[in-house]
PDB file of N, CA and C in Angstrom:
ATOM      1  N   MET A   1      28.052 114.900  83.695  1.00  0.00           N
ATOM      2  CA  MET A   1      28.008 116.158  83.159  1.00  0.00           C
ATOM      3  C   MET A   1      27.132 115.442  81.647  1.00  0.00           C
ATOM      4  N   THR A   2      27.036 113.939  81.121  1.00  0.00           N
ATOM      5  CA  THR A   2      26.371 113.077  80.694  1.00  0.00           C
ATOM      6  C   THR A   2      25.143 113.586  80.621  1.00  0.00           C
ATOM      7  N   ALA A   3      24.613 113.764  81.779  1.00  0.00           N
ATOM      8  CA  ALA A   3      23.638 113.263  82.593  1.00  0.00           C
ATOM      9  C   ALA A   3      22.908 114.941  81.931  1.00  0.00           C
ATOM     10  N   LEU A   4      23.436 115.825  83.274  1.00  0.00           N
ATOM     11  CA  LEU A   4      23.055 117.235  83.092  1.00  0.00           C
ATOM     12  C   LEU A   4      22.674 117.532  81.632  1.00  0.00           C
ATOM     13  N   LEU A   5      23.121 117.258  80.782  1.00  0.00           N
ATOM     14  CA  LEU A   5      23.194 117.855  79.510  1.00  0.00           C
ATOM     15  C   LEU A   5      22.219 116.719  78.651  1.00  0.00           C
ATOM     16  N   ARG A   6      22.095 115.486  79.178  1.00  0.00           N
ATOM     17  CA  ARG A   6      20.400 114.962  78.725  1.00  0.00           C
ATOM     18  C   ARG A   6      19.489 115.650  79.364  1.00  0.00           C
ATOM     19  N   ARG A   7      19.479 115.437  80.859  1.00  0.00           N
ATOM     20  CA  ARG A   7      18.003 116.628  81.196  1.00  0.00           C
ATOM     21  C   ARG A   7      17.890 117.607  80.655  1.00  0.00           C
ATOM     22  N   ALA A   8      19.077 118.661  79.788  1.00  0.00           N
ATOM     23  CA  ALA A   8      18.729 119.768  79.196  1.00  0.00           C
ATOM     24  C   ALA A   8      18.059 119.486  78.208  1.00  0.00           C
ATOM     25  N   GLY A   9      18.242 118.179  77.898  1.00  0.00           N
ATOM     26  CA  GLY A   9      17.441 118.453  76.071  1.00  0.00           C
ATOM     27  C   GLY A   9      18.231 117.973  75.163  1.00  0.00           C
ATOM     28  N   HIS A  10      19.610 118.232  75.379  1.00  0.00           N
ATOM     29  CA  HIS A  10      20.994 117.898  74.543  1.00  0.00           C
ATOM     30  C   HIS A  10      21.247 116.123  73.987  1.00  0.00           C
ATOM     31  N   HIS A  11      22.184 115.909  73.412  1.00  0.00           N
ATOM     32  CA  HIS A  11      21.962 114.196  72.785  1.00  0.00           C
ATOM     33  C   HIS A  11      23.753 114.334  72.641  1.00  0.00           C
ATOM     34  N   PRO A  12      24.229 113.845  74.059  1.00  0.00           N
ATOM     35  CA  PRO A  12      25.450 113.969  74.199  1.00  0.00           C
ATOM     36  C   PRO A  12      26.464 112.412  73.509  1.00  0.00           C
ATOM     37  N   HIS A  13      27.342 112.750  73.132  1.00  0.00           N
ATOM     38  CA  HIS A  13      28.218 111.515  72.905  1.00  0.00           C
ATOM     39  C   HIS A  13      29.306 111.621  74.109  1.00  0.00           C
ATOM     40  N   SER A  14      29.843 110.839  74.743  1.00  0.00           N
ATOM     41  CA  SER A  14      30.799 110.708  75.708  1.00  0.00           C
ATOM     42  C   SER A  14      31.755 109.542  75.780  1.00  0.00           C
ATOM     43  N   PHE A  15      32.784 110.143  75.659  1.00  0.00           N
ATOM     44  CA  PHE A  15      34.018 109.131  75.850  1.00  0.00           C
ATOM     45  C   PHE A  15      35.065 109.316  76.761  1.00  0.00           C
ATOM     46  N   THR A  16      35.862 107.699  77.081  1.00  0.00           N
ATOM     47  CA  THR A  16      37.057 108.122  78.193  1.00  0.00           C
ATOM     48  C   THR A  16      38.112 108.491  78.403  1.00  0.00           C
ATOM     49  N   ASP A  17      38.282 108.610  77.108  1.00  0.00           N
ATOM     50  CA  ASP A  17      39.670 109.817  76.454  1.00  0.00           C
ATOM     51  C   ASP A  17      39.417 110.238  75.576  1.00  0.00           C
ATOM     52  N   ALA A  18      40.287 111.220  75.427  1.00  0.00           N
ATOM     53  CA  ALA A  18      40.695 112.312  73.888  1.00  0.00           C
ATOM     54  C   ALA A  18      40.603 111.598  72.815  1.00  0.00           C
ATOM     55  N   GLN A  19      41.684 110.845  72.673  1.00  0.00           N
ATOM     56  CA  GLN A  19      42.116 110.083  71.392  1.00  0.00           C
ATOM     57  C   GLN A  19      40.693 109.840  70.876  1.00  0.00           C
ATOM     58  N   THR A  20      39.993 108.543  71.910  1.00  0.00           N
ATOM     59  CA  THR A  20      38.806 108.224  71.360  1.00  0.00           C
ATOM     60  C   THR A  20      38.150 108.922  70.650  1.00  0.00           C
ATOM     61  N   ALA A  21      37.593 109.855  71.114  1.00  0.00           N
ATOM     62  CA  ALA A  21      36.989 111.440  70.842  1.00  0.00           C
ATOM     63  C   ALA A  21      37.234 112.119  69.695  1.00  0.00           C
ATOM     64  N   LEU A  22      38.537 112.000  69.186  1.00  0.00           N
ATOM     65  CA  LEU A  22      39.003 112.694  68.448  1.00  0.00           C
ATOM     66  C   LEU A  22      39.332 111.540  67.180  1.00  0.00           C
ATOM     67  N   ASP A  23      38.783 110.094  67.078  1.00  0.00           N
ATOM     68  CA  ASP A  23      38.705 108.974  66.103  1.00  0.00           C
ATOM     69  C   ASP A  23      37.368 109.371  65.476  1.00  0.00           C
ATOM     70  N   ARG A  24      36.517 109.796  66.638  1.00  0.00           N
ATOM     71  CA  ARG A  24      35.591 109.488  66.051  1.00  0.00           C
ATOM     72  C   ARG A  24      34.737 110.888  65.488  1.00  0.00           C
ATOM     73  N   LEU A  25      35.331 112.059  65.919  1.00  0.00           N
ATOM     74  CA  LEU A  25      35.722 113.406  65.097  1.00  0.00           C
ATOM     75  C   LEU A  25      35.865 113.369  63.741  1.00  0.00           C
ATOM     76  N   ALA A  26      37.038 112.120  63.634  1.00  0.00           N
ATOM     77  CA  ALA A  26      37.666 112.171  62.414  1.00  0.00           C
ATOM     78  C   ALA A  26      36.981 111.018  61.736  1.00  0.00           C
ATOM     79  N   GLU A  27      36.194 110.448  62.420  1.00  0.00           N
ATOM     80  CA  GLU A  27      35.665 108.952  61.415  1.00  0.00           C
ATOM     81  C   GLU A  27      33.816 109.903  61.035  1.00  0.00           C
ATOM     82  N   GLY A  28      33.711 111.210  61.062  1.00  0.00           N
ATOM     83  CA  GLY A  28      32.815 111.906  60.748  1.00  0.00           C
ATOM     84  C   GLY A  28      31.505 112.351  61.979  1.00  0.00           C
ATOM     85  N   THR A  29      31.306 111.530  63.094  1.00  0.00           N
ATOM     86  CA  THR A  29      30.436 112.426  63.814  1.00  0.00           C
ATOM     87  C   THR A  29      30.279 113.541  64.027  1.00  0.00           C
ATOM     88  N   GLU A  30      29.337 113.634  63.851  1.00  0.00           N
ATOM     89  CA  GLU A  30      28.879 115.291  63.622  1.00  0.00           C
ATOM     90  C   GLU A  30      28.496 115.804  65.163  1.00  0.00           C
ATOM     91  N   VAL A  31      28.911 116.945  65.731  1.00  0.00           N
ATOM     92  CA  VAL A  31      28.604 117.266  66.455  1.00  0.00           C
ATOM     93  C   VAL A  31      28.540 119.348  66.931  1.00  0.00           C
ATOM     94  N   ASP A  32      27.773 119.532  67.467  1.00  0.00           N
ATOM     95  CA  ASP A  32      27.713 121.019  67.725  1.00  0.00           C
ATOM     96  C   ASP A  32      28.988 121.686  68.327  1.00  0.00           C
ATOM     97  N   ALA A  33      29.056 121.179  68.725  1.00  0.00           N
ATOM     98  CA  ALA A  33      29.565 121.566  70.072  1.00  0.00           C
ATOM     99  C   ALA A  33      30.827 120.293  71.204  1.00  0.00           C
ATOM    100  N   VAL A  34      32.134 121.243  71.615  1.00  0.00           N
ATOM    101  CA  VAL A  34      32.995 119.822  72.436  1.00  0.00           C
ATOM    102  C   VAL A  34      32.924 120.790  74.163  1.00  0.00           C
ATOM    103  N   VAL A  35      32.855 119.804  75.027  1.00  0.00           N
ATOM    104  CA  VAL A  35      32.528 120.232  76.382  1.00  0.00           C
ATOM    105  C   VAL A  35      34.061 119.258  76.782  1.00  0.00           C
ATOM    106  N   THR A  36      35.128 119.450  77.463  1.00  0.00           N
ATOM    107  CA  THR A  36      36.237 119.107  77.742  1.00  0.00           C
ATOM    108  C   THR A  36      36.725 119.412  79.005  1.00  0.00           C
ATOM    109  N   ASP A  37      36.996 118.722  80.100  1.00  0.00           N
ATOM    110  CA  ASP A  37      37.871 118.500  80.961  1.00  0.00           C
ATOM    111  C   ASP A  37      39.603 118.897  80.258  1.00  0.00           C
ATOM    112  N   VAL A  38      40.787 119.909  81.596  1.00  0.00           N
ATOM    113  CA  VAL A  38      42.279 120.458  80.874  1.00  0.00           C
ATOM    114  C   VAL A  38      42.973 119.224  80.937  1.00  0.00           C
ATOM    115  N   PHE A  39      42.507 118.553  82.511  1.00  0.00           N
ATOM    116  CA  PHE A  39      43.366 117.631  82.928  1.00  0.00           C
ATOM    117  C   PHE A  39      43.049 116.421  82.896  1.00  0.00           C
ATOM    118  N   MET A  40      43.571 115.496  81.291  1.00  0.00           N
ATOM    119  CA  MET A  40      42.981 114.298  81.258  1.00  0.00           C
ATOM    120  C   MET A  40      44.565 113.259  81.537  1.00  0.00           C
ATOM    121  N   PRO A  41      44.012 111.810  81.183  1.00  0.00           N
ATOM    122  CA  PRO A  41      45.032 111.044  81.184  1.00  0.00           C
ATOM    123  C   PRO A  41      45.849 110.977  79.652  1.00  0.00           C
ATOM    124  N   LEU A  42      46.350 110.691  79.155  1.00  0.00           N
ATOM    125  CA  LEU A  42      47.162 110.357  77.736  1.00  0.00           C
ATOM    126  C   LEU A  42      47.359 111.462  77.390  1.00  0.00           C
ATOM    127  N   MET A  43      46.424 112.336  76.953  1.00  0.00           N
ATOM    128  CA  MET A  43      46.424 113.489  76.486  1.00  0.00           C
ATOM    129  C   MET A  43      45.561 115.158  77.076  1.00  0.00           C
ATOM    130  N   ASP A  44      45.949 115.949  77.544  1.00  0.00           N
ATOM    131  CA  ASP A  44      45.469 116.821  77.811  1.00  0.00           C
ATOM    132  C   ASP A  44      44.494 117.676  77.438  1.00  0.00           C
ATOM    133  N   GLY A  45      43.909 118.575  77.958  1.00  0.00           N
ATOM    134  CA  GLY A  45      42.726 119.728  77.725  1.00  0.00           C
ATOM    135  C   GLY A  45      43.344 120.292  76.624  1.00  0.00           C
ATOM    136  N   VAL A  46      44.701 120.788  76.707  1.00  0.00           N
ATOM    137  CA  VAL A  46      45.685 121.648  75.509  1.00  0.00           C
ATOM    138  C   VAL A  46      45.680 121.151  74.321  1.00  0.00           C
ATOM    139  N   GLU A  47      46.102 120.318  74.249  1.00  0.00           N
ATOM    140  CA  GLU A  47      46.459 119.372  72.769  1.00  0.00           C
ATOM    141  C   GLU A  47      44.818 118.515  72.370  1.00  0.00           C
ATOM    142  N   PHE A  48      44.460 118.458  73.780  1.00  0.00           N
ATOM    143  CA  PHE A  48      42.962 117.600  72.464  1.00  0.00           C
ATOM    144  C   PHE A  48      42.225 119.241  71.609  1.00  0.00           C
ATOM    145  N   THR A  49      42.165 120.230  72.083  1.00  0.00           N
ATOM    146  CA  THR A  49      41.975 121.542  71.657  1.00  0.00           C
ATOM    147  C   THR A  49      42.452 121.537  70.422  1.00  0.00           C
ATOM    148  N   ARG A  50      44.262 121.788  70.663  1.00  0.00           N
ATOM    149  CA  ARG A  50      44.719 122.251  69.501  1.00  0.00           C
ATOM    150  C   ARG A  50      44.414 120.551  68.491  1.00  0.00           C
ATOM    151  N   ALA A  51      44.357 119.584  68.622  1.00  0.00           N
ATOM    152  CA  ALA A  51      44.131 118.483  67.651  1.00  0.00           C
ATOM    153  C   ALA A  51      42.037 119.130  67.214  1.00  0.00           C
ATOM    154  N   ILE A  52      41.731 119.797  67.742  1.00  0.00           N
ATOM    155  CA  ILE A  52      40.222 119.738  67.265  1.00  0.00           C
ATOM    156  C   ILE A  52      40.038 120.926  66.460  1.00  0.00           C
ATOM    157  N   ARG A  53      41.429 121.502  66.758  1.00  0.00           N
ATOM    158  CA  ARG A  53      41.267 122.963  66.014  1.00  0.00           C
ATOM    159  C   ARG A  53      41.763 122.728  64.574  1.00  0.00           C
ATOM    160  N   ARG A  54      42.900 122.028  64.601  1.00  0.00           N
ATOM    161  CA  ARG A  54      43.405 121.101  63.442  1.00  0.00           C
ATOM    162  C   ARG A  54      42.828 120.650  61.930  1.00  0.00           C
ATOM    163  N   HIS A  55      41.327 119.853  63.173  1.00  0.00           N
ATOM    164  CA  HIS A  55      40.550 119.242  62.310  1.00  0.00           C
ATOM    165  C   HIS A  55      39.071 119.654  61.902  1.00  0.00           C
ATOM    166  N   ALA A  56      38.687 120.760  62.139  1.00  0.00           N
ATOM    167  CA  ALA A  56      37.403 121.546  62.843  1.00  0.00           C
ATOM    168  C   ALA A  56      37.739 123.310  63.849  1.00  0.00           C
ATOM    169  N   PRO A  57      38.378 123.623  62.928  1.00  0.00           N
ATOM    170  CA  PRO A  57      38.864 125.112  63.323  1.00  0.00           C
ATOM    171  C   PRO A  57      37.554 126.171  64.097  1.00  0.00           C
ATOM    172  N   ALA A  58      36.551 125.525  63.406  1.00  0.00           N
ATOM    173  CA  ALA A  58      35.148 126.472  64.054  1.00  0.00           C
ATOM    174  C   ALA A  58      34.367 125.733  65.365  1.00  0.00           C
ATOM    175  N   LEU A  59      34.530 124.652  65.410  1.00  0.00           N
ATOM    176  CA  LEU A  59      34.319 123.738  66.455  1.00  0.00           C
ATOM    177  C   LEU A  59      33.879 124.440  67.486  1.00  0.00           C
ATOM    178  N   PRO A  60      32.954 124.837  68.454  1.00  0.00           N
ATOM    179  CA  PRO A  60      32.915 125.234  69.771  1.00  0.00           C
ATOM    180  C   PRO A  60      33.349 124.502  70.888  1.00  0.00           C
ATOM    181  N   ILE A  61      34.039 125.118  71.473  1.00  0.00           N
ATOM    182  CA  ILE A  61      34.653 124.061  72.892  1.00  0.00           C
ATOM    183  C   ILE A  61      34.154 125.125  74.412  1.00  0.00           C
ATOM    184  N   ILE A  62      34.364 123.837  74.990  1.00  0.00           N
ATOM    185  CA  ILE A  62      34.000 125.124  76.444  1.00  0.00           C
ATOM    186  C   ILE A  62      35.122 123.939  77.271  1.00  0.00           C
ATOM    187  N   ALA A  63      35.602 124.061  77.983  1.00  0.00           N
ATOM    188  CA  ALA A  63      36.955 123.303  78.857  1.00  0.00           C
ATOM    189  C   ALA A  63      36.095 123.902  80.007  1.00  0.00           C
ATOM    190  N   VAL A  64      36.586 122.699  81.185  1.00  0.00           N
ATOM    191  CA  VAL A  64      36.555 122.785  82.334  1.00  0.00           C
ATOM    192  C   VAL A  64      37.415 122.400  83.325  1.00  0.00           C
ATOM    193  N   THR A  65      37.685 123.012  84.131  1.00  0.00           N
ATOM    194  CA  THR A  65      39.366 122.588  84.923  1.00  0.00           C
ATOM    195  C   THR A  65      38.792 122.526  86.849  1.00  0.00           C
ATOM    196  N   GLY A  66      39.541 121.748  87.145  1.00  0.00           N
ATOM    197  CA  GLY A  66      39.187 121.558  88.640  1.00  0.00           C
ATOM    198  C   GLY A  66      41.009 122.201  89.364  1.00  0.00           C
ATOM    199  N   GLY A  67      41.299 122.309  88.457  1.00  0.00           N
ATOM    200  CA  GLY A  67      43.027 122.760  88.736  1.00  0.00           C
ATOM    201  C   GLY A  67      43.462 124.464  88.898  1.00  0.00           C
ATOM    202  N   PHE A  68      43.540 125.381  89.962  1.00  0.00           N
ATOM    203  CA  PHE A  68      44.869 126.011  90.204  1.00  0.00           C
ATOM    204  C   PHE A  68      43.607 127.594  89.667  1.00  0.00           C
ATOM    205  N   GLY A  69      42.615 127.626  89.597  1.00  0.00           N
ATOM    206  CA  GLY A  69      42.261 128.751  89.815  1.00  0.00           C
ATOM    207  C   GLY A  69      42.599 129.765  88.346  1.00  0.00           C
ATOM    208  N   GLY A  70      41.743 130.685  88.676  1.00  0.00           N
ATOM    209  CA  GLY A  70      41.624 132.202  87.322  1.00  0.00           C
ATOM    210  C   GLY A  70      42.100 131.674  85.956  1.00  0.00           C
ATOM    211  N   ILE A  71      42.172 132.652  84.881  1.00  0.00           N
ATOM    212  CA  ILE A  71      41.997 132.291  83.753  1.00  0.00           C
ATOM    213  C   ILE A  71      43.790 132.621  84.026  1.00  0.00           C
ATOM    214  N   SER A  72      44.427 132.988  84.913  1.00  0.00           N
ATOM    215  CA  SER A  72      45.437 133.342  84.806  1.00  0.00           C
ATOM    216  C   SER A  72      46.721 132.273  84.611  1.00  0.00           C
ATOM    217  N   HIS A  73      45.969 131.485  85.470  1.00  0.00           N
ATOM    218  CA  HIS A  73      46.803 129.767  85.147  1.00  0.00           C
ATOM    219  C   HIS A  73      47.058 129.313  83.673  1.00  0.00           C
ATOM    220  N   PRO A  74      48.518 128.881  83.599  1.00  0.00           N
ATOM    221  CA  PRO A  74      48.713 128.741  82.089  1.00  0.00           C
ATOM    222  C   PRO A  74      47.854 127.610  81.500  1.00  0.00           C
ATOM    223  N   TYR A  75      47.307 126.678  81.927  1.00  0.00           N
ATOM    224  CA  TYR A  75      46.693 125.644  81.346  1.00  0.00           C
ATOM    225  C   TYR A  75      45.537 126.295  80.780  1.00  0.00           C
ATOM    226  N   GLU A  76      44.762 127.320  81.809  1.00  0.00           N
ATOM    227  CA  GLU A  76      43.801 127.873  81.206  1.00  0.00           C
ATOM    228  C   GLU A  76      43.822 128.878  80.307  1.00  0.00           C
ATOM    229  N   ARG A  77      45.185 129.618  80.348  1.00  0.00           N
ATOM    230  CA  ARG A  77      45.493 130.657  79.542  1.00  0.00           C
ATOM    231  C   ARG A  77      44.808 129.643  78.028  1.00  0.00           C
ATOM    232  N   ALA A  78      46.284 128.619  77.972  1.00  0.00           N
ATOM    233  CA  ALA A  78      46.190 128.013  77.128  1.00  0.00           C
ATOM    234  C   ALA A  78      45.363 127.776  76.387  1.00  0.00           C
ATOM    235  N   MET A  79      44.372 126.990  76.674  1.00  0.00           N
ATOM    236  CA  MET A  79      42.666 126.405  76.797  1.00  0.00           C
ATOM    237  C   MET A  79      42.104 127.496  75.632  1.00  0.00           C
ATOM    238  N   ALA A  80      42.723 129.272  76.285  1.00  0.00           N
ATOM    239  CA  ALA A  80      42.108 130.107  76.223  1.00  0.00           C
ATOM    240  C   ALA A  80      42.551 130.889  74.504  1.00  0.00           C
ATOM    241  N   ALA A  81      43.776 130.283  74.344  1.00  0.00           N
ATOM    242  CA  ALA A  81      44.218 130.495  72.874  1.00  0.00           C
ATOM    243  C   ALA A  81      44.732 129.868  72.570  1.00  0.00           C
ATOM    244  N   PHE A  82      43.970 128.728  72.358  1.00  0.00           N
ATOM    245  CA  PHE A  82      43.961 127.490  71.015  1.00  0.00           C
ATOM    246  C   PHE A  82      41.907 127.280  71.028  1.00  0.00           C
ATOM    247  N   GLY A  83      41.791 128.338  71.522  1.00  0.00           N
ATOM    248  CA  GLY A  83      39.950 128.341  71.295  1.00  0.00           C
ATOM    249  C   GLY A  83      39.290 128.192  72.257  1.00  0.00           C
ATOM    250  N   ALA A  84      39.348 127.522  73.347  1.00  0.00           N
ATOM    251  CA  ALA A  84      38.460 127.565  74.239  1.00  0.00           C
ATOM    252  C   ALA A  84      37.606 128.392  74.175  1.00  0.00           C
ATOM    253  N   ARG A  85      36.116 128.680  73.891  1.00  0.00           N
ATOM    254  CA  ARG A  85      35.001 129.813  74.386  1.00  0.00           C
ATOM    255  C   ARG A  85      35.050 130.194  75.705  1.00  0.00           C
ATOM    256  N   GLN A  86      34.909 129.402  76.428  1.00  0.00           N
ATOM    257  CA  GLN A  86      34.992 129.598  77.608  1.00  0.00           C
ATOM    258  C   GLN A  86      35.326 128.389  78.927  1.00  0.00           C
ATOM    259  N   VAL A  87      36.009 129.120  79.754  1.00  0.00           N
ATOM    260  CA  VAL A  87      37.249 128.042  81.022  1.00  0.00           C
ATOM    261  C   VAL A  87      36.162 128.197  81.949  1.00  0.00           C
ATOM    262  N   PHE A  88      35.378 126.776  82.897  1.00  0.00           N
ATOM    263  CA  PHE A  88      34.588 126.951  83.485  1.00  0.00           C
ATOM    264  C   PHE A  88      35.620 126.276  84.855  1.00  0.00           C
ATOM    265  N   ARG A  89      35.813 126.762  86.041  1.00  0.00           N
ATOM    266  CA  ARG A  89      36.615 125.536  86.986  1.00  0.00           C
ATOM    267  C   ARG A  89      35.194 124.903  87.718  1.00  0.00           C
ATOM    268  N   LYS A  90      35.999 123.835  88.163  1.00  0.00           N
ATOM    269  CA  LYS A  90      34.582 122.515  89.145  1.00  0.00           C
ATOM    270  C   LYS A  90      35.004 123.240  90.627  1.00  0.00           C
ATOM    271  N   PRO A  91      33.842 123.111  91.031  1.00  0.00           N
ATOM    272  CA  PRO A  91      32.541 122.501  90.773  1.00  0.00           C
ATOM    273  C   PRO A  91      31.905 123.585  89.708  1.00  0.00           C
ATOM    274  N   VAL A  92      31.455 123.131  88.274  1.00  0.00           N
ATOM    275  CA  VAL A  92      31.133 123.957  87.959  1.00  0.00           C
ATOM    276  C   VAL A  92      29.377 124.047  87.549  1.00  0.00           C
ATOM    277  N   ASP A  93      29.160 125.619  87.806  1.00  0.00           N
ATOM    278  CA  ASP A  93      27.483 125.618  88.309  1.00  0.00           C
ATOM    279  C   ASP A  93      26.592 125.319  86.872  1.00  0.00           C
ATOM    280  N   ALA A  94      25.877 124.282  87.181  1.00  0.00           N
ATOM    281  CA  ALA A  94      25.449 123.132  86.189  1.00  0.00           C
ATOM    282  C   ALA A  94      24.750 124.559  85.181  1.00  0.00           C
ATOM    283  N   ALA A  95      23.898 125.517  85.693  1.00  0.00           N
ATOM    284  CA  ALA A  95      22.888 126.159  84.782  1.00  0.00           C
ATOM    285  C   ALA A  95      24.012 127.306  84.188  1.00  0.00           C
ATOM    286  N   GLU A  96      25.262 128.259  84.805  1.00  0.00           N
ATOM    287  CA  GLU A  96      25.543 128.679  83.957  1.00  0.00           C
ATOM    288  C   GLU A  96      26.390 127.523  82.886  1.00  0.00           C
ATOM    289  N   LEU A  97      26.534 126.578  82.978  1.00  0.00           N
ATOM    290  CA  LEU A  97      27.261 125.665  81.446  1.00  0.00           C
ATOM    291  C   LEU A  97      26.114 125.457  80.845  1.00  0.00           C
ATOM    292  N   LEU A  98      25.212 125.412  81.108  1.00  0.00           N
ATOM    293  CA  LEU A  98      24.163 125.196  80.047  1.00  0.00           C
ATOM    294  C   LEU A  98      23.649 126.110  79.388  1.00  0.00           C
ATOM    295  N   ARG A  99      23.435 127.885  80.122  1.00  0.00           N
ATOM    296  CA  ARG A  99      23.891 128.751  79.160  1.00  0.00           C
ATOM    297  C   ARG A  99      24.712 129.090  78.463  1.00  0.00           C
ATOM    298  N   ALA A 100      26.125 129.113  79.060  1.00  0.00           N
ATOM    299  CA  ALA A 100      26.930 128.501  78.125  1.00  0.00           C
ATOM    300  C   ALA A 100      26.740 128.523  76.400  1.00  0.00           C
ATOM    301  N   ILE A 101      26.684 126.680  76.719  1.00  0.00           N
ATOM    302  CA  ILE A 101      25.969 126.019  75.414  1.00  0.00           C
ATOM    303  C   ILE A 101      25.309 126.492  74.634  1.00  0.00           C
ATOM    304  N   GLU A 102      24.298 126.907  75.522  1.00  0.00           N
ATOM    305  CA  GLU A 102      22.807 127.191  74.187  1.00  0.00           C
ATOM    306  C   GLU A 102      23.635 128.394  73.990  1.00  0.00           C
ATOM    307  N   ARG A 103      24.277 129.515  74.097  1.00  0.00           N
ATOM    308  CA  ARG A 103      24.835 130.269  73.558  1.00  0.00           C
ATOM    309  C   ARG A 103      25.654 130.344  72.597  1.00  0.00           C
ATOM    310  N   LEU A 104      26.106 129.253  72.308  1.00  0.00           N
ATOM    311  CA  LEU A 104      27.176 128.596  71.056  1.00  0.00           C
ATOM    312  C   LEU A 104      26.491 128.956  69.583  1.00  0.00           C
ATOM    313  N   PRO A 105      27.444 129.355  68.840  1.00  0.00           N
ATOM    314  CA  PRO A 105      26.837 129.836  67.712  1.00  0.00           C
ATOM    315  C   PRO A 105      26.461 127.832  67.471  1.00  0.00           C
ATOM    316  N   GLY A 106      25.225 128.015  66.555  1.00  0.00           N
ATOM    317  CA  GLY A 106      25.325 126.382  65.732  1.00  0.00           C
ATOM    318  C   GLY A 106      25.024 125.926  66.814  1.00  0.00           C
ATOM    319  N   MET A 107      24.576 126.146  67.896  1.00  0.00           N
ATOM    320  CA  MET A 107      23.909 125.271  68.988  1.00  0.00           C
ATOM    321  C   MET A 107      22.850 124.426  68.402  1.00  0.00           C
ATOM    322  N   ASP A 108      22.581 123.078  68.492  1.00  0.00           N
ATOM    323  CA  ASP A 108      21.229 122.625  67.743  1.00  0.00           C
ATOM    324  C   ASP A 108      21.159 121.446  68.931  1.00  0.00           C
ATOM    325  N   GLU A 109      21.655 120.403  68.739  1.00  0.00           N
ATOM    326  CA  GLU A 109      21.350 118.994  69.731  1.00  0.00           C
ATOM    327  C   GLU A 109      22.489 118.190  70.369  1.00  0.00           C
ATOM    328  N   GLN A 110      23.443 117.990  70.083  1.00  0.00           N
ATOM    329  CA  GLN A 110      24.077 117.394  70.124  1.00  0.00           C
ATOM    330  C   GLN A 110      25.925 117.958  70.869  1.00  0.00           C
ATOM    331  N   VAL A 111      26.406 117.565  71.700  1.00  0.00           N
ATOM    332  CA  VAL A 111      27.718 117.907  72.334  1.00  0.00           C
ATOM    333  C   VAL A 111      28.418 117.135  72.828  1.00  0.00           C
ATOM    334  N   LEU A 112      29.625 117.167  72.416  1.00  0.00           N
ATOM    335  CA  LEU A 112      30.731 115.854  72.883  1.00  0.00           C
ATOM    336  C   LEU A 112      31.438 116.329  74.192  1.00  0.00           C
ATOM    337  N   ALA A 113      31.280 115.106  74.656  1.00  0.00           N
ATOM    338  CA  ALA A 113      31.791 115.317  76.252  1.00  0.00           C
ATOM    339  C   ALA A 113      32.924 114.495  76.169  1.00  0.00           C
ATOM    340  N   ASP A 114      34.295 114.432  76.673  1.00  0.00           N
ATOM    341  CA  ASP A 114      34.802 113.524  76.743  1.00  0.00           C
ATOM    342  C   ASP A 114      34.871 112.123  77.613  1.00  0.00           C
ATOM    343  N   GLY A 115      34.456 112.253  78.273  1.00  0.00           N
ATOM    344  CA  GLY A 115      34.061 111.426  79.625  1.00  0.00           C
ATOM    345  C   GLY A 115      34.682 111.411  80.796  1.00  0.00           C
ATOM    346  N   THR A 116      36.200 112.472  80.671  1.00  0.00           N
ATOM    347  CA  THR A 116      36.299 112.220  81.475  1.00  0.00           C
ATOM    348  C   THR A 116      36.270 113.376  82.825  1.00  0.00           C
ATOM    349  N   VAL A 117      35.042 114.351  82.224  1.00  0.00           N
ATOM    350  CA  VAL A 117      34.383 115.254  82.984  1.00  0.00           C
ATOM    351  C   VAL A 117      33.241 114.405  83.559  1.00  0.00           C
ATOM    352  N   LYS A 118      32.981 114.476  84.572  1.00  0.00           N
ATOM    353  CA  LYS A 118      31.638 113.497  84.926  1.00  0.00           C
ATOM    354  C   LYS A 118      30.804 114.374  86.204  1.00  0.00           C
ATOM    355  N   ALA A 119      29.399 114.050  86.019  1.00  0.00           N
ATOM    356  CA  ALA A 119      28.143 114.559  87.179  1.00  0.00           C
ATOM    357  C   ALA A 119      28.855 114.456  88.251  1.00  0.00           C
ATOM    358  N   SER A 120      29.173 115.112  89.472  1.00  0.00           N
ATOM    359  CA  SER A 120      29.319 113.894  90.399  1.00  0.00           C
ATOM    360  C   SER A 120      27.984 114.139  91.374  1.00  0.00           C
TER     361      SER A 120
END
């Protein structure tokens, strides 16, 4: 994921877990968007999205999941309910993901990726 974003001209921050990403945001790391997995160790994408919303209500979030198909799955519905602009299922079509990022309001040049989403 990080390599894909770099090739597209973005400057992503990549973290191995959601708590580290939240800590960086709390320290003032400026980002234009968050790309996160739904299923992660320690803190799932739903809780991560809720935590982001408490501190940065308008920050665009895009979620990626390898699990359970369509938006009807409870986790995917929860991601959308807590503010994910879009939920992609793995394997993610790179062009679709990049288009979604480019369409985000205020998209400039940095994207926060939580590190649990890796390019294959």
